[in-house]
């Protein structure tokens, strides 16, 4: 039998796991919490916008710029990795600035580590909005990622995209390869897969990951029951009420589809003309009988 773990061993394993999570959180920050994507208020026009070197509206320089990598607005290290040494005073304002990022349009401090790592790890790289195809330099707002398809969005179109992204391209939740109910859904391709067809040969899941990737695009799939999504529906020719404001009216017949109705149209249909002719003939026959 394996030896029982001592209290000191358990404590060492917990500390190791905690340090691992700290390192992962330091390197992989959420896009909303990243310093280059924080909210900033201009000193001149008092408008809220994304953290940037110059105001998007009045083009004024901020009084206290913040670094897009580490997020600090005051350098207090006197013997650190600063490229501009300031041993006798703290660096604030333009004395803190070292460069401007071409992707997020924000200041980067004069720290060697920030200047070397920010350009390669900037979260605003290739962040053109999926809906309007605008970049950070065009819309001037914060950038987000869709929680369903994990694609970049601007601040203006994020809510509209979320409303349209919660829908599959199929009319039901069945697998695209068979007729069984889809247990895994790819929200980037908007299709569902069953448990057998979501697997691919030669693809092994990493440790701690339960959901397999999409066989079509490679994006992570999730369980269908975990989403609040709908299917595609078709509503064609379902107008059943007349509109008095328009000249041409449309009405729906169950077996004939949509038909056009016009108030100015005084011509009778062929069935109505035949019915009127039969009435005239009946009246003529009644008159002949009376005369006899």
Foldseek 3Di string as FASTA:
>chain_A
DDDDDDPVRVVVVVVVVVVVVVVVCLQDPAQAPQLLQDWDAAPPPRDIAGAAQAAPPPRDGHQQFAARHPGDRKADDQPAQFPDHDNPDIDGGPSQFDDAAPQSRGTHGRHPVRVVPCNVRPPRPPQQAPPPRDGCSPPRHGWDAAPQQRHIHGPVCNVVVNVVLQEAAAQAQAAPVDGHGFFKARSNNRHGHHPVVQDDPPDDDDPPDDFFAGPPPRHTIDTPVVGDGYYDDDDPQPDADFDPVDQWTWHQDPPPGIDIDGPPDPDDDPVVVVVVVVVVVVVVVVVVVVVD
